């Protein structure tokens, strides 16, 4: 039986040619996407939230979770998902500022997968 560390090393060796590419031609500004369903969990009627934050065309954060509270409308479900996404963008912008790569201007956040 393999130890967890051995499994990780084997996985890394098998996937060494797989990665996430950063497009130098893309803007280094953060771009975020947020979406939610409404009461999608049939057991407790909680809504699912999803988000992704990209930088240089590559995803740097992605997450899908059930919301902690039951939303009373689809608008409320989308608002809660958007709120969590914006918190993540603010945190990433502060991190980039601390690393000497401050983001100027406002952040771009698309909601409900409507991308131009």
N, C-alpha and C. Protein backbone atom coordinates (compact mmCIF):
# COMPACT_ATOMS: atom_id res chain seq x y z
N UNK A 1 0.85 -1.18 0.00
CA UNK A 1 0.00 0.00 0.00
C UNK A 1 0.89 1.24 0.00
N UNK A 2 0.53 2.21 -0.82
CA UNK A 2 1.33 3.44 -0.96
C UNK A 2 0.95 4.45 0.12
N UNK A 3 1.94 5.20 0.56
CA UNK A 3 1.67 6.29 1.50
C UNK A 3 1.08 7.46 0.71
N UNK A 4 0.39 8.38 1.39
CA UNK A 4 -0.15 9.55 0.69
C UNK A 4 0.93 10.34 -0.05
N UNK A 5 2.11 10.46 0.53
CA UNK A 5 3.19 11.20 -0.12
C UNK A 5 3.62 10.51 -1.41
N UNK A 6 3.68 9.19 -1.39
CA UNK A 6 4.05 8.43 -2.59
C UNK A 6 3.00 8.62 -3.68
N UNK A 7 1.72 8.63 -3.29
CA UNK A 7 0.64 8.85 -4.26
C UNK A 7 0.77 10.23 -4.91
N UNK A 8 1.10 11.22 -4.12
CA UNK A 8 1.27 12.58 -4.66
C UNK A 8 2.43 12.61 -5.65
N UNK A 9 3.54 12.00 -5.30
CA UNK A 9 4.71 11.98 -6.20
C UNK A 9 4.37 11.26 -7.49
N UNK A 10 3.67 10.12 -7.40
CA UNK A 10 3.27 9.39 -8.61
C UNK A 10 2.35 10.23 -9.48
N UNK A 11 1.40 10.92 -8.85
CA UNK A 11 0.49 11.78 -9.61
C UNK A 11 1.26 12.89 -10.32
N UNK A 12 2.18 13.53 -9.62
CA UNK A 12 2.96 14.61 -10.22
C UNK A 12 3.81 14.11 -11.38
N UNK A 13 4.37 12.92 -11.26
CA UNK A 13 5.17 12.36 -12.35
C UNK A 13 4.31 12.04 -13.57
N UNK A 14 3.10 11.53 -13.34
CA UNK A 14 2.21 11.19 -14.44
C UNK A 14 1.63 12.41 -15.14
N UNK A 15 1.54 13.53 -14.43
CA UNK A 15 0.88 14.72 -14.99
C UNK A 15 1.85 15.88 -15.20
N UNK A 16 3.13 15.59 -15.34
CA UNK A 16 4.12 16.67 -15.44
C UNK A 16 3.96 17.51 -16.71
N UNK A 17 3.27 17.00 -17.73
CA UNK A 17 3.07 17.77 -18.96
C UNK A 17 1.72 18.48 -18.98
N UNK A 18 0.99 18.44 -17.89
CA UNK A 18 -0.30 19.10 -17.80
C UNK A 18 -0.15 20.32 -16.90
N UNK A 19 -0.72 21.44 -17.31
CA UNK A 19 -0.60 22.63 -16.49
C UNK A 19 -1.58 23.70 -16.91
N UNK A 20 -1.52 24.82 -16.26
CA UNK A 20 -2.35 25.98 -16.58
C UNK A 20 -1.44 27.01 -17.23
N UNK A 21 -1.82 27.45 -18.41
CA UNK A 21 -0.99 28.39 -19.15
C UNK A 21 -1.39 29.83 -18.85
N UNK A 22 -0.41 30.67 -18.72
CA UNK A 22 -0.63 32.10 -18.53
C UNK A 22 -0.30 32.78 -19.85
N UNK A 23 -1.28 33.45 -20.43
CA UNK A 23 -1.11 34.11 -21.72
C UNK A 23 -0.50 35.49 -21.51
N UNK A 24 0.71 35.69 -21.99
CA UNK A 24 1.38 36.98 -21.82
C UNK A 24 0.65 38.11 -22.52
N UNK A 25 -0.10 37.78 -23.57
CA UNK A 25 -0.82 38.81 -24.31
C UNK A 25 -2.07 39.28 -23.56
N UNK A 26 -2.54 38.46 -22.61
CA UNK A 26 -3.73 38.83 -21.83
C UNK A 26 -3.36 39.86 -20.77
N UNK A 27 -4.36 40.60 -20.36
CA UNK A 27 -4.17 41.60 -19.31
C UNK A 27 -3.85 40.91 -17.98
N UNK A 28 -3.02 41.56 -17.18
CA UNK A 28 -2.71 41.01 -15.86
C UNK A 28 -3.76 41.41 -14.82
N UNK A 29 -4.78 42.15 -15.25
CA UNK A 29 -5.86 42.52 -14.34
C UNK A 29 -6.69 41.28 -14.00
N UNK A 30 -7.20 41.25 -12.78
CA UNK A 30 -8.07 40.16 -12.37
C UNK A 30 -9.43 40.30 -13.03
N UNK A 31 -9.98 39.20 -13.50
CA UNK A 31 -11.33 39.15 -14.06
C UNK A 31 -12.04 38.00 -13.36
N UNK A 32 -13.23 38.27 -12.85
CA UNK A 32 -13.95 37.25 -12.06
C UNK A 32 -15.30 36.93 -12.68
N UNK A 33 -15.75 35.72 -12.43
CA UNK A 33 -17.04 35.23 -12.92
C UNK A 33 -17.78 34.60 -11.74
N UNK A 34 -19.06 34.88 -11.63
CA UNK A 34 -19.86 34.37 -10.52
C UNK A 34 -21.21 33.88 -11.05
N UNK A 35 -21.71 32.81 -10.47
CA UNK A 35 -23.02 32.31 -10.86
C UNK A 35 -23.62 31.53 -9.69
N UNK A 36 -24.93 31.33 -9.73
CA UNK A 36 -25.61 30.57 -8.68
C UNK A 36 -26.87 29.96 -9.26
N UNK A 37 -27.31 28.87 -8.65
CA UNK A 37 -28.65 28.38 -8.95
C UNK A 37 -29.54 28.78 -7.78
N UNK A 38 -30.79 28.45 -7.84
CA UNK A 38 -31.67 28.81 -6.74
C UNK A 38 -32.32 27.54 -6.21
N UNK A 39 -32.04 27.24 -4.95
CA UNK A 39 -32.63 26.10 -4.24
C UNK A 39 -32.36 24.79 -4.98
N UNK A 40 -31.17 24.64 -5.52
CA UNK A 40 -30.83 23.46 -6.30
C UNK A 40 -30.65 22.19 -5.50
N UNK A 41 -30.32 22.31 -4.21
CA UNK A 41 -30.17 21.13 -3.36
C UNK A 41 -31.56 20.69 -2.91
N UNK A 42 -32.02 19.56 -3.41
CA UNK A 42 -33.39 19.11 -3.12
C UNK A 42 -33.59 18.69 -1.67
N UNK A 43 -32.50 18.38 -0.97
CA UNK A 43 -32.62 17.94 0.42
C UNK A 43 -32.93 19.10 1.36
N UNK A 44 -32.19 20.21 1.22
CA UNK A 44 -32.38 21.33 2.15
C UNK A 44 -32.64 22.66 1.45
N UNK A 45 -32.78 22.63 0.14
CA UNK A 45 -33.12 23.80 -0.70
C UNK A 45 -32.07 24.89 -0.68
N UNK A 46 -30.84 24.55 -0.31
CA UNK A 46 -29.78 25.56 -0.40
C UNK A 46 -29.36 25.72 -1.86
N UNK A 47 -28.89 26.90 -2.19
CA UNK A 47 -28.45 27.21 -3.55
C UNK A 47 -26.96 26.94 -3.69
N UNK A 48 -26.55 26.62 -4.90
CA UNK A 48 -25.13 26.41 -5.20
C UNK A 48 -24.54 27.70 -5.74
N UNK A 49 -23.33 28.02 -5.31
CA UNK A 49 -22.58 29.18 -5.81
C UNK A 49 -21.33 28.69 -6.51
N UNK A 50 -20.98 29.37 -7.58
CA UNK A 50 -19.74 29.06 -8.27
C UNK A 50 -19.03 30.33 -8.65
N UNK A 51 -17.70 30.26 -8.68
CA UNK A 51 -16.93 31.44 -9.09
C UNK A 51 -15.59 31.00 -9.64
N UNK A 52 -15.03 31.89 -10.46
CA UNK A 52 -13.68 31.70 -10.98
C UNK A 52 -13.05 33.08 -11.12
N UNK A 53 -11.78 33.19 -10.73
CA UNK A 53 -11.02 34.43 -10.90
C UNK A 53 -9.84 34.11 -11.80
N UNK A 54 -9.66 34.94 -12.84
CA UNK A 54 -8.58 34.72 -13.80
C UNK A 54 -7.60 35.88 -13.76
N UNK A 55 -6.35 35.56 -14.07
CA UNK A 55 -5.30 36.57 -14.21
C UNK A 55 -4.42 36.11 -15.36
N UNK A 56 -4.15 37.00 -16.31
CA UNK A 56 -3.38 36.65 -17.52
C UNK A 56 -4.05 35.50 -18.27
N UNK A 57 -5.37 35.45 -18.23
CA UNK A 57 -6.11 34.42 -18.94
C UNK A 57 -6.15 33.08 -18.25
N UNK A 58 -5.45 32.93 -17.14
CA UNK A 58 -5.40 31.64 -16.44
C UNK A 58 -6.21 31.70 -15.14
N UNK A 59 -6.92 30.63 -14.81
CA UNK A 59 -7.65 30.62 -13.53
C UNK A 59 -6.68 30.59 -12.35
N UNK A 60 -6.92 31.47 -11.39
CA UNK A 60 -6.10 31.47 -10.17
C UNK A 60 -6.93 31.07 -8.95
N UNK A 61 -8.25 31.16 -9.07
CA UNK A 61 -9.16 30.71 -8.02
C UNK A 61 -10.41 30.16 -8.70
N UNK A 62 -10.90 29.03 -8.22
CA UNK A 62 -12.19 28.52 -8.68
C UNK A 62 -12.81 27.76 -7.53
N UNK A 63 -14.12 27.87 -7.43
CA UNK A 63 -14.79 27.27 -6.28
C UNK A 63 -16.26 27.06 -6.60
N UNK A 64 -16.81 25.98 -6.08
CA UNK A 64 -18.24 25.71 -6.15
C UNK A 64 -18.67 25.18 -4.79
N UNK A 65 -19.64 25.85 -4.17
CA UNK A 65 -20.09 25.45 -2.83
C UNK A 65 -21.59 25.65 -2.71
N UNK A 66 -22.17 25.01 -1.71
CA UNK A 66 -23.56 25.31 -1.37
C UNK A 66 -23.57 26.49 -0.41
N UNK A 67 -24.51 27.38 -0.60
CA UNK A 67 -24.62 28.55 0.26
C UNK A 67 -25.05 28.13 1.66
N UNK A 68 -24.60 28.89 2.66
CA UNK A 68 -24.88 28.54 4.05
C UNK A 68 -26.32 28.82 4.44
N UNK A 69 -26.94 29.78 3.75
CA UNK A 69 -28.31 30.17 4.07
C UNK A 69 -29.23 29.87 2.90
N UNK A 70 -30.48 29.61 3.18
CA UNK A 70 -31.45 29.36 2.12
C UNK A 70 -31.88 30.71 1.54
N UNK A 71 -31.69 30.87 0.24
CA UNK A 71 -32.09 32.11 -0.43
C UNK A 71 -33.59 32.08 -0.71
N UNK A 72 -34.23 33.23 -0.55
CA UNK A 72 -35.68 33.31 -0.77
C UNK A 72 -36.04 33.62 -2.21
N UNK A 73 -35.04 33.94 -3.03
CA UNK A 73 -35.28 34.22 -4.45
C UNK A 73 -34.00 33.94 -5.23
N UNK A 74 -34.13 33.85 -6.55
CA UNK A 74 -32.93 33.65 -7.37
C UNK A 74 -32.04 34.87 -7.30
N UNK A 75 -32.63 36.05 -7.18
CA UNK A 75 -31.84 37.28 -7.05
C UNK A 75 -30.98 37.23 -5.79
N UNK A 76 -31.57 36.79 -4.68
CA UNK A 76 -30.81 36.69 -3.44
C UNK A 76 -29.70 35.65 -3.56
N UNK A 77 -29.96 34.54 -4.22
CA UNK A 77 -28.93 33.51 -4.41
C UNK A 77 -27.76 34.06 -5.22
N UNK A 78 -28.08 34.79 -6.29
CA UNK A 78 -27.03 35.39 -7.13
C UNK A 78 -26.26 36.47 -6.36
N UNK A 79 -26.97 37.24 -5.56
CA UNK A 79 -26.33 38.29 -4.75
C UNK A 79 -25.35 37.68 -3.75
N UNK A 80 -25.74 36.59 -3.09
CA UNK A 80 -24.85 35.94 -2.12
C UNK A 80 -23.61 35.37 -2.81
N UNK A 81 -23.79 34.79 -4.00
CA UNK A 81 -22.66 34.25 -4.75
C UNK A 81 -21.73 35.38 -5.19
N UNK A 82 -22.31 36.46 -5.67
CA UNK A 82 -21.52 37.61 -6.12
C UNK A 82 -20.74 38.22 -4.96
N UNK A 83 -21.35 38.29 -3.79
CA UNK A 83 -20.69 38.83 -2.61
C UNK A 83 -19.43 38.03 -2.27
N UNK A 84 -19.53 36.71 -2.28
CA UNK A 84 -18.36 35.86 -1.99
C UNK A 84 -17.28 36.03 -3.05
N UNK A 85 -17.69 36.17 -4.30
CA UNK A 85 -16.73 36.35 -5.39
C UNK A 85 -15.98 37.67 -5.24
N UNK A 86 -16.70 38.73 -4.92
CA UNK A 86 -16.07 40.05 -4.76
C UNK A 86 -15.11 40.03 -3.56
N UNK A 87 -15.48 39.35 -2.48
CA UNK A 87 -14.56 39.23 -1.33
C UNK A 87 -13.24 38.59 -1.78
N UNK A 88 -13.34 37.57 -2.61
CA UNK A 88 -12.13 36.89 -3.11
C UNK A 88 -11.30 37.83 -3.98
N UNK A 89 -11.96 38.61 -4.84
CA UNK A 89 -11.24 39.56 -5.70
C UNK A 89 -10.54 40.62 -4.86
N UNK A 90 -11.22 41.15 -3.85
CA UNK A 90 -10.61 42.16 -2.98
C UNK A 90 -9.38 41.58 -2.29
N UNK A 91 -9.49 40.36 -1.78
CA UNK A 91 -8.36 39.71 -1.11
C UNK A 91 -7.19 39.52 -2.07
N UNK A 92 -7.48 39.06 -3.29
CA UNK A 92 -6.42 38.85 -4.28
C UNK A 92 -5.76 40.17 -4.66
N UNK A 93 -6.54 41.23 -4.78
CA UNK A 93 -5.96 42.54 -5.12
C UNK A 93 -5.04 43.03 -4.00
N UNK A 94 -5.44 42.83 -2.75
CA UNK A 94 -4.57 43.21 -1.63
C UNK A 94 -3.29 42.38 -1.62
N UNK A 95 -3.42 41.10 -1.92
CA UNK A 95 -2.24 40.24 -1.99
C UNK A 95 -1.29 40.70 -3.09
N UNK A 96 -1.84 41.00 -4.26
CA UNK A 96 -1.00 41.47 -5.37
C UNK A 96 -0.33 42.80 -5.03
N UNK A 97 -1.05 43.67 -4.32
CA UNK A 97 -0.46 44.94 -3.90
C UNK A 97 0.73 44.69 -2.97
N UNK A 98 0.56 43.78 -2.01
CA UNK A 98 1.65 43.44 -1.09
C UNK A 98 2.84 42.84 -1.83
N UNK A 99 2.58 42.17 -2.95
CA UNK A 99 3.64 41.56 -3.74
C UNK A 99 4.26 42.53 -4.76
N UNK A 100 3.78 43.79 -4.75
CA UNK A 100 4.34 44.80 -5.63
C UNK A 100 3.72 44.85 -7.01
N UNK A 101 2.55 44.25 -7.18
CA UNK A 101 1.87 44.25 -8.47
C UNK A 101 0.45 44.79 -8.30
N UNK A 102 0.36 46.05 -7.86
CA UNK A 102 -0.93 46.64 -7.54
C UNK A 102 -1.83 46.72 -8.76
N UNK A 103 -3.08 46.36 -8.59
CA UNK A 103 -4.09 46.45 -9.65
C UNK A 103 -4.67 47.86 -9.62
N UNK A 104 -4.67 48.53 -10.76
CA UNK A 104 -5.23 49.88 -10.83
C UNK A 104 -6.61 49.82 -11.46
N UNK A 105 -7.45 50.77 -11.13
CA UNK A 105 -8.80 50.79 -11.68
C UNK A 105 -9.70 49.80 -10.98
N UNK A 106 -10.93 49.74 -11.46
CA UNK A 106 -11.91 48.84 -10.86
C UNK A 106 -11.74 47.41 -11.34
N UNK A 107 -12.26 46.51 -10.56
CA UNK A 107 -12.21 45.10 -10.92
C UNK A 107 -13.37 44.77 -11.85
N UNK A 108 -13.17 43.82 -12.74
CA UNK A 108 -14.22 43.35 -13.64
C UNK A 108 -14.77 42.05 -13.07
N UNK A 109 -16.08 42.04 -12.78
CA UNK A 109 -16.73 40.84 -12.27
C UNK A 109 -17.98 40.59 -13.10
N UNK A 110 -18.02 39.44 -13.76
CA UNK A 110 -19.19 39.06 -14.55
C UNK A 110 -20.06 38.18 -13.68
N UNK A 111 -21.37 38.42 -13.73
CA UNK A 111 -22.30 37.65 -12.92
C UNK A 111 -23.26 36.90 -13.84
N UNK A 112 -23.61 35.68 -13.49
CA UNK A 112 -24.56 34.86 -14.23
C UNK A 112 -24.04 34.45 -15.61
N UNK A 113 -22.74 34.28 -15.74
CA UNK A 113 -22.06 33.79 -16.94
C UNK A 113 -22.36 34.58 -18.21
N UNK A 114 -22.83 35.78 -18.10
CA UNK A 114 -23.05 36.61 -19.29
C UNK A 114 -21.77 37.38 -19.58
N UNK A 115 -20.95 36.82 -20.45
CA UNK A 115 -19.66 37.41 -20.79
C UNK A 115 -19.74 38.02 -22.17
N UNK A 116 -19.22 39.26 -22.34
CA UNK A 116 -19.30 39.89 -23.67
C UNK A 116 -18.48 39.15 -24.70
